[in-house]
N, C-alpha and C. Protein backbone atom coordinates (compact mmCIF):
# COMPACT_ATOMS: atom_id res chain seq x y z
N MET A 1 31.65 -24.27 53.62
CA MET A 1 30.51 -24.14 52.72
C MET A 1 30.18 -25.51 52.14
N SER A 2 28.92 -25.72 51.98
CA SER A 2 28.50 -27.00 51.42
C SER A 2 28.25 -26.83 49.92
N THR A 3 28.00 -27.92 49.23
CA THR A 3 27.78 -27.87 47.79
C THR A 3 26.46 -27.19 47.45
N THR A 4 25.48 -27.27 48.32
CA THR A 4 24.20 -26.62 48.03
C THR A 4 24.34 -25.10 48.09
N ASP A 5 25.20 -24.58 48.96
CA ASP A 5 25.42 -23.13 49.02
C ASP A 5 26.09 -22.64 47.73
N ASP A 6 27.03 -23.44 47.20
CA ASP A 6 27.69 -23.06 45.95
C ASP A 6 26.70 -23.03 44.80
N ALA A 7 25.81 -23.99 44.76
CA ALA A 7 24.82 -24.04 43.68
C ALA A 7 23.88 -22.85 43.75
N VAL A 8 23.49 -22.44 44.95
CA VAL A 8 22.61 -21.28 45.11
C VAL A 8 23.32 -20.01 44.69
N THR A 9 24.60 -19.90 45.04
CA THR A 9 25.37 -18.71 44.68
C THR A 9 25.52 -18.61 43.17
N VAL A 10 25.83 -19.72 42.50
CA VAL A 10 25.98 -19.72 41.05
C VAL A 10 24.65 -19.40 40.38
N THR A 11 23.56 -19.95 40.87
CA THR A 11 22.25 -19.71 40.28
C THR A 11 21.84 -18.25 40.44
N ALA A 12 22.17 -17.64 41.55
CA ALA A 12 21.77 -16.25 41.80
C ALA A 12 22.53 -15.28 40.91
N THR A 13 23.74 -15.61 40.49
CA THR A 13 24.53 -14.70 39.68
C THR A 13 24.27 -14.86 38.19
N ARG A 14 23.61 -15.90 37.77
CA ARG A 14 23.33 -16.11 36.34
C ARG A 14 22.22 -15.17 35.87
N ARG A 15 22.30 -14.80 34.61
CA ARG A 15 21.23 -13.99 34.02
C ARG A 15 20.05 -14.87 33.70
N SER A 16 18.91 -14.27 33.56
CA SER A 16 17.74 -15.05 33.19
C SER A 16 17.84 -15.48 31.74
N LEU A 17 17.05 -16.44 31.37
CA LEU A 17 17.11 -16.98 30.02
C LEU A 17 16.62 -15.98 28.98
N TRP A 18 15.59 -15.21 29.35
CA TRP A 18 14.99 -14.26 28.41
C TRP A 18 15.31 -12.85 28.86
N VAL A 19 16.00 -12.10 28.00
CA VAL A 19 16.38 -10.73 28.33
C VAL A 19 15.74 -9.81 27.30
N GLU A 20 14.95 -8.85 27.76
CA GLU A 20 14.31 -7.88 26.87
C GLU A 20 15.32 -6.84 26.45
N GLU A 21 15.41 -6.60 25.17
CA GLU A 21 16.28 -5.55 24.65
C GLU A 21 15.44 -4.63 23.80
N PRO A 22 15.72 -3.35 23.80
CA PRO A 22 14.94 -2.43 22.96
C PRO A 22 15.21 -2.69 21.48
N ALA A 23 14.18 -2.49 20.68
CA ALA A 23 14.31 -2.74 19.25
C ALA A 23 15.22 -1.69 18.62
N ARG A 24 16.03 -2.11 17.70
CA ARG A 24 16.91 -1.18 17.01
C ARG A 24 16.16 -0.43 15.92
N ARG A 25 15.20 -1.12 15.31
CA ARG A 25 14.39 -0.50 14.25
C ARG A 25 12.92 -0.65 14.62
N TYR A 26 12.12 0.25 14.05
CA TYR A 26 10.69 0.16 14.30
C TYR A 26 10.09 -1.01 13.54
N ARG A 27 8.95 -1.47 14.00
CA ARG A 27 8.26 -2.57 13.34
C ARG A 27 7.74 -2.12 11.98
N THR A 28 7.82 -3.01 11.01
CA THR A 28 7.33 -2.70 9.68
C THR A 28 5.80 -2.56 9.71
N PRO A 29 5.23 -1.61 8.97
CA PRO A 29 3.77 -1.46 8.96
C PRO A 29 3.08 -2.72 8.43
N ASP A 30 1.84 -2.92 8.88
CA ASP A 30 1.11 -4.16 8.53
C ASP A 30 0.99 -4.42 7.04
N PRO A 31 0.60 -3.44 6.19
CA PRO A 31 0.50 -3.75 4.76
C PRO A 31 1.84 -4.16 4.14
N VAL A 32 2.90 -3.53 4.58
CA VAL A 32 4.22 -3.87 4.04
C VAL A 32 4.62 -5.27 4.48
N ARG A 33 4.36 -5.59 5.76
CA ARG A 33 4.69 -6.92 6.27
C ARG A 33 3.88 -7.99 5.55
N THR A 34 2.60 -7.71 5.32
CA THR A 34 1.74 -8.68 4.61
C THR A 34 2.27 -8.95 3.21
N SER A 35 2.60 -7.89 2.48
CA SER A 35 3.11 -8.10 1.12
C SER A 35 4.48 -8.78 1.14
N ALA A 36 5.29 -8.53 2.16
CA ALA A 36 6.59 -9.19 2.24
C ALA A 36 6.44 -10.68 2.51
N VAL A 37 5.52 -11.04 3.39
CA VAL A 37 5.27 -12.47 3.67
C VAL A 37 4.76 -13.15 2.41
N ARG A 38 3.83 -12.50 1.73
CA ARG A 38 3.30 -13.06 0.49
C ARG A 38 4.41 -13.25 -0.53
N ALA A 39 5.30 -12.29 -0.66
CA ALA A 39 6.40 -12.39 -1.62
C ALA A 39 7.35 -13.53 -1.26
N VAL A 40 7.65 -13.69 0.02
CA VAL A 40 8.55 -14.77 0.42
C VAL A 40 7.94 -16.13 0.11
N LEU A 41 6.64 -16.29 0.38
CA LEU A 41 5.98 -17.57 0.08
C LEU A 41 5.97 -17.85 -1.42
N ILE A 42 5.67 -16.84 -2.21
CA ILE A 42 5.63 -17.03 -3.67
C ILE A 42 7.01 -17.36 -4.21
N VAL A 43 8.04 -16.67 -3.72
CA VAL A 43 9.40 -16.95 -4.17
C VAL A 43 9.82 -18.36 -3.76
N ALA A 44 9.44 -18.79 -2.57
CA ALA A 44 9.79 -20.14 -2.12
C ALA A 44 9.14 -21.20 -3.00
N VAL A 45 7.86 -21.01 -3.32
CA VAL A 45 7.16 -21.97 -4.19
C VAL A 45 7.78 -21.98 -5.58
N THR A 46 8.14 -20.80 -6.07
CA THR A 46 8.75 -20.72 -7.40
C THR A 46 10.10 -21.42 -7.43
N LEU A 47 10.89 -21.25 -6.38
CA LEU A 47 12.19 -21.95 -6.34
C LEU A 47 12.01 -23.46 -6.28
N MET A 48 11.01 -23.92 -5.55
CA MET A 48 10.74 -25.36 -5.52
C MET A 48 10.30 -25.85 -6.89
N GLN A 49 9.45 -25.09 -7.55
CA GLN A 49 9.01 -25.47 -8.91
C GLN A 49 10.20 -25.55 -9.85
N ALA A 50 11.08 -24.56 -9.76
CA ALA A 50 12.25 -24.56 -10.65
C ALA A 50 13.15 -25.76 -10.37
N THR A 51 13.32 -26.11 -9.11
CA THR A 51 14.16 -27.26 -8.76
C THR A 51 13.54 -28.56 -9.27
N VAL A 52 12.23 -28.72 -9.05
CA VAL A 52 11.55 -29.94 -9.51
C VAL A 52 11.59 -30.03 -11.03
N SER A 53 11.37 -28.90 -11.70
CA SER A 53 11.40 -28.94 -13.16
C SER A 53 12.80 -29.26 -13.68
N PHE A 54 13.83 -28.80 -12.98
CA PHE A 54 15.20 -29.13 -13.38
C PHE A 54 15.45 -30.64 -13.28
N PHE A 55 15.04 -31.24 -12.17
CA PHE A 55 15.26 -32.68 -12.01
C PHE A 55 14.39 -33.49 -12.96
N LEU A 56 13.18 -33.02 -13.23
CA LEU A 56 12.34 -33.73 -14.20
C LEU A 56 12.93 -33.64 -15.60
N THR A 57 13.55 -32.52 -15.92
CA THR A 57 14.20 -32.38 -17.22
C THR A 57 15.39 -33.32 -17.33
N LEU A 58 16.16 -33.47 -16.23
CA LEU A 58 17.29 -34.38 -16.25
C LEU A 58 16.85 -35.84 -16.46
N THR A 59 15.72 -36.22 -15.87
CA THR A 59 15.25 -37.59 -16.01
C THR A 59 14.52 -37.84 -17.32
N GLY A 60 14.16 -36.79 -18.01
CA GLY A 60 13.46 -36.95 -19.29
C GLY A 60 11.99 -37.26 -19.12
N SER A 61 11.40 -36.86 -18.04
CA SER A 61 9.99 -37.14 -17.77
C SER A 61 9.10 -36.22 -18.61
N TRP A 62 7.88 -36.71 -18.87
CA TRP A 62 6.93 -35.90 -19.63
C TRP A 62 6.38 -34.74 -18.80
N LEU A 63 6.54 -34.81 -17.48
CA LEU A 63 6.08 -33.73 -16.62
C LEU A 63 7.01 -32.51 -16.64
N ALA A 64 8.15 -32.65 -17.32
CA ALA A 64 9.11 -31.56 -17.33
C ALA A 64 8.55 -30.32 -18.01
N LEU A 65 7.85 -30.47 -19.12
CA LEU A 65 7.33 -29.32 -19.86
C LEU A 65 6.31 -28.53 -19.04
N PRO A 66 5.28 -29.16 -18.46
CA PRO A 66 4.36 -28.36 -17.65
C PRO A 66 5.03 -27.71 -16.43
N MET A 67 6.00 -28.40 -15.85
CA MET A 67 6.67 -27.82 -14.69
C MET A 67 7.56 -26.64 -15.09
N VAL A 68 8.20 -26.72 -16.25
CA VAL A 68 9.03 -25.60 -16.72
C VAL A 68 8.13 -24.40 -17.02
N LEU A 69 6.99 -24.64 -17.67
CA LEU A 69 6.06 -23.53 -17.95
C LEU A 69 5.54 -22.92 -16.64
N GLY A 70 5.26 -23.79 -15.68
CA GLY A 70 4.82 -23.29 -14.37
C GLY A 70 5.91 -22.49 -13.66
N ALA A 71 7.15 -22.94 -13.81
CA ALA A 71 8.26 -22.22 -13.18
C ALA A 71 8.47 -20.86 -13.83
N ILE A 72 8.27 -20.79 -15.14
CA ILE A 72 8.40 -19.50 -15.83
C ILE A 72 7.29 -18.55 -15.37
N ALA A 73 6.07 -19.06 -15.29
CA ALA A 73 4.96 -18.23 -14.82
C ALA A 73 5.19 -17.83 -13.36
N GLY A 74 5.71 -18.75 -12.57
CA GLY A 74 6.01 -18.43 -11.17
C GLY A 74 7.08 -17.36 -11.02
N THR A 75 8.04 -17.35 -11.94
CA THR A 75 9.08 -16.32 -11.91
C THR A 75 8.48 -14.94 -12.17
N VAL A 76 7.55 -14.87 -13.11
CA VAL A 76 6.88 -13.60 -13.40
C VAL A 76 6.08 -13.14 -12.17
N VAL A 77 5.34 -14.07 -11.56
CA VAL A 77 4.53 -13.73 -10.39
C VAL A 77 5.43 -13.34 -9.21
N ALA A 78 6.55 -14.04 -9.03
CA ALA A 78 7.46 -13.72 -7.93
C ALA A 78 8.09 -12.35 -8.12
N THR A 79 8.42 -12.02 -9.35
CA THR A 79 8.96 -10.69 -9.62
C THR A 79 7.94 -9.62 -9.27
N TRP A 80 6.69 -9.85 -9.65
CA TRP A 80 5.64 -8.90 -9.34
C TRP A 80 5.43 -8.80 -7.82
N ALA A 81 5.53 -9.89 -7.11
CA ALA A 81 5.35 -9.88 -5.65
C ALA A 81 6.46 -9.08 -4.97
N VAL A 82 7.68 -9.22 -5.44
CA VAL A 82 8.78 -8.46 -4.85
C VAL A 82 8.63 -6.97 -5.16
N LEU A 83 8.20 -6.65 -6.37
CA LEU A 83 7.93 -5.25 -6.70
C LEU A 83 6.79 -4.70 -5.86
N ASP A 84 5.81 -5.55 -5.55
CA ASP A 84 4.69 -5.13 -4.72
C ASP A 84 5.17 -4.71 -3.33
N VAL A 85 6.16 -5.40 -2.79
CA VAL A 85 6.71 -5.02 -1.49
C VAL A 85 7.32 -3.62 -1.57
N VAL A 86 8.10 -3.37 -2.61
CA VAL A 86 8.76 -2.07 -2.76
C VAL A 86 7.72 -0.97 -2.93
N ILE A 87 6.71 -1.22 -3.77
CA ILE A 87 5.68 -0.21 -4.03
C ILE A 87 4.85 0.03 -2.78
N THR A 88 4.49 -1.02 -2.07
CA THR A 88 3.69 -0.85 -0.85
C THR A 88 4.46 -0.07 0.19
N ARG A 89 5.73 -0.35 0.33
CA ARG A 89 6.55 0.38 1.30
C ARG A 89 6.65 1.85 0.94
N GLN A 90 6.87 2.14 -0.33
CA GLN A 90 6.97 3.54 -0.77
C GLN A 90 5.65 4.27 -0.58
N THR A 91 4.55 3.60 -0.90
CA THR A 91 3.23 4.20 -0.73
C THR A 91 2.96 4.49 0.74
N TRP A 92 3.31 3.55 1.61
CA TRP A 92 3.10 3.76 3.05
C TRP A 92 3.91 4.97 3.53
N ASN A 93 5.16 5.06 3.09
CA ASN A 93 6.00 6.19 3.50
C ASN A 93 5.44 7.51 3.02
N GLN A 94 4.91 7.54 1.80
CA GLN A 94 4.36 8.79 1.27
C GLN A 94 3.07 9.18 1.96
N ARG A 95 2.22 8.21 2.28
CA ARG A 95 0.93 8.54 2.90
C ARG A 95 1.05 8.89 4.36
N HIS A 96 1.92 8.20 5.08
CA HIS A 96 1.98 8.37 6.53
C HIS A 96 3.17 9.17 6.99
N GLY A 97 3.95 9.66 6.05
CA GLY A 97 5.04 10.56 6.40
C GLY A 97 6.28 9.84 6.86
N VAL A 98 7.38 10.41 6.52
CA VAL A 98 8.68 9.89 6.90
C VAL A 98 9.41 11.02 7.61
N VAL A 99 10.11 10.71 8.65
CA VAL A 99 10.88 11.73 9.33
C VAL A 99 12.04 12.12 8.42
N SER A 100 12.03 13.35 8.01
CA SER A 100 13.05 13.82 7.09
C SER A 100 14.03 14.71 7.85
N GLN A 101 15.29 14.43 7.73
CA GLN A 101 16.31 15.24 8.36
C GLN A 101 17.23 15.79 7.28
N PRO A 102 17.04 17.05 6.92
CA PRO A 102 17.88 17.60 5.86
C PRO A 102 19.33 17.74 6.33
N SER A 103 20.19 17.82 5.37
CA SER A 103 21.61 17.95 5.72
C SER A 103 21.86 19.32 6.34
N SER A 104 22.99 19.46 6.96
CA SER A 104 23.28 20.71 7.65
C SER A 104 23.35 21.88 6.67
N THR A 105 23.86 21.68 5.46
CA THR A 105 23.95 22.78 4.50
C THR A 105 22.56 23.22 4.06
N ALA A 106 21.66 22.25 3.87
CA ALA A 106 20.29 22.62 3.49
C ALA A 106 19.61 23.37 4.63
N ARG A 107 19.87 22.98 5.85
CA ARG A 107 19.27 23.64 7.00
C ARG A 107 19.75 25.08 7.10
N VAL A 108 21.06 25.31 6.90
CA VAL A 108 21.62 26.66 6.98
C VAL A 108 21.03 27.54 5.88
N ARG A 109 20.96 26.99 4.67
CA ARG A 109 20.42 27.77 3.56
C ARG A 109 18.96 28.14 3.79
N ARG A 110 18.19 27.19 4.34
CA ARG A 110 16.79 27.47 4.61
C ARG A 110 16.64 28.54 5.68
N ARG A 111 17.51 28.51 6.72
CA ARG A 111 17.48 29.54 7.75
C ARG A 111 17.77 30.91 7.17
N GLU A 112 18.77 30.97 6.27
CA GLU A 112 19.10 32.25 5.64
C GLU A 112 17.94 32.78 4.81
N GLU A 113 17.25 31.88 4.08
CA GLU A 113 16.11 32.32 3.28
C GLU A 113 14.99 32.83 4.17
N HIS A 114 14.73 32.16 5.29
CA HIS A 114 13.69 32.61 6.22
C HIS A 114 14.06 33.97 6.83
N ARG A 115 15.33 34.13 7.18
CA ARG A 115 15.78 35.39 7.77
C ARG A 115 15.63 36.53 6.76
N ALA A 116 16.02 36.28 5.50
CA ALA A 116 15.90 37.31 4.47
C ALA A 116 14.43 37.66 4.23
N GLY A 117 13.57 36.65 4.25
CA GLY A 117 12.14 36.91 4.06
C GLY A 117 11.56 37.72 5.20
N ARG A 118 11.98 37.44 6.43
CA ARG A 118 11.50 38.21 7.58
C ARG A 118 11.97 39.65 7.50
N GLU A 119 13.23 39.85 7.08
CA GLU A 119 13.75 41.22 6.99
C GLU A 119 13.02 42.02 5.93
N THR A 120 12.72 41.39 4.80
CA THR A 120 11.99 42.13 3.76
C THR A 120 10.56 42.44 4.20
N ARG A 121 9.93 41.52 4.91
CA ARG A 121 8.58 41.79 5.41
C ARG A 121 8.59 42.87 6.48
N ALA A 122 9.61 42.84 7.34
CA ALA A 122 9.70 43.84 8.40
C ALA A 122 10.05 45.21 7.83
N GLY A 123 10.86 45.24 6.78
CA GLY A 123 11.28 46.52 6.18
C GLY A 123 10.21 47.15 5.31
N ALA A 124 9.30 46.36 4.78
CA ALA A 124 8.26 46.91 3.90
C ALA A 124 7.22 47.65 4.73
N SER A 125 6.88 48.83 4.28
CA SER A 125 5.86 49.60 5.01
C SER A 125 4.53 49.42 4.31
N GLY A 126 3.53 49.13 5.08
CA GLY A 126 2.20 48.96 4.51
C GLY A 126 2.04 47.60 3.87
N ARG A 127 1.01 47.53 3.05
CA ARG A 127 0.65 46.26 2.43
C ARG A 127 1.23 46.19 1.02
N VAL A 128 1.83 45.07 0.68
CA VAL A 128 2.39 44.87 -0.64
C VAL A 128 1.28 44.37 -1.56
N PRO A 129 1.06 45.05 -2.72
CA PRO A 129 -0.01 44.60 -3.62
C PRO A 129 0.34 43.25 -4.24
N ARG A 130 -0.61 42.37 -4.33
CA ARG A 130 -0.39 41.05 -4.89
C ARG A 130 -0.48 41.07 -6.41
N ILE A 131 -1.31 41.94 -6.97
CA ILE A 131 -1.48 42.02 -8.42
C ILE A 131 -0.88 43.33 -8.89
N ARG A 132 -0.08 43.24 -9.93
CA ARG A 132 0.57 44.43 -10.45
C ARG A 132 -0.43 45.32 -11.17
N PRO A 133 -0.16 46.60 -11.20
CA PRO A 133 -1.05 47.49 -11.94
C PRO A 133 -0.99 47.20 -13.43
N ALA A 134 -2.02 47.55 -14.14
CA ALA A 134 -2.15 47.20 -15.56
C ALA A 134 -1.14 47.89 -16.44
N GLU A 135 -0.72 49.13 -16.12
CA GLU A 135 0.15 49.85 -17.05
C GLU A 135 1.62 49.47 -16.95
N GLY A 136 2.12 48.99 -15.82
CA GLY A 136 3.56 48.81 -15.72
C GLY A 136 4.05 47.40 -15.54
N GLY A 137 3.20 46.43 -15.47
CA GLY A 137 3.66 45.10 -15.10
C GLY A 137 3.70 44.11 -16.24
N ARG A 138 4.07 42.94 -15.89
CA ARG A 138 4.15 41.85 -16.84
C ARG A 138 2.76 41.48 -17.35
N LEU A 139 1.77 41.68 -16.51
CA LEU A 139 0.41 41.31 -16.89
C LEU A 139 -0.14 42.23 -17.98
N ALA A 140 0.33 43.47 -18.02
CA ALA A 140 -0.16 44.43 -19.02
C ALA A 140 0.26 44.02 -20.44
N ALA A 141 1.41 43.41 -20.57
CA ALA A 141 1.91 43.02 -21.88
C ALA A 141 1.05 41.94 -22.51
N HIS A 142 0.41 41.13 -21.71
CA HIS A 142 -0.41 40.03 -22.23
C HIS A 142 -1.88 40.40 -22.33
N GLY A 143 -2.22 41.64 -22.00
CA GLY A 143 -3.61 42.08 -22.13
C GLY A 143 -4.50 41.58 -21.03
N ARG A 144 -3.97 41.30 -19.91
CA ARG A 144 -4.80 40.80 -18.81
C ARG A 144 -5.04 41.85 -17.80
């Protein structure tokens, strides 16, 4: 065998550089991703402001006071931006639905309730009145 045959054999057995793998989690919805990017940028700017104001305070510069005030305001805005991510995510989940998987005990209890309801409906003959008669029910006591 020559050296070129060895190189071809080694190249053929190597994996490609880019390998597609399935995503483990679904992609975040667009509004949530937008608010998360905005929050990361705001937090990054606020951290830079805080760092600059710290060094300006150490040097005794007159710019320290405006930078400290800006860093405090940036902290408030960054907190609001992070809360916006949480609120946007919760709103998205409520509007567009979340796959809910109840626990096994809740599932069993719900099945029992459905079974009991079916048995009572099957056992009842005729139509069950929705409104109680005036003389014997709870509604009669209130004059309705």
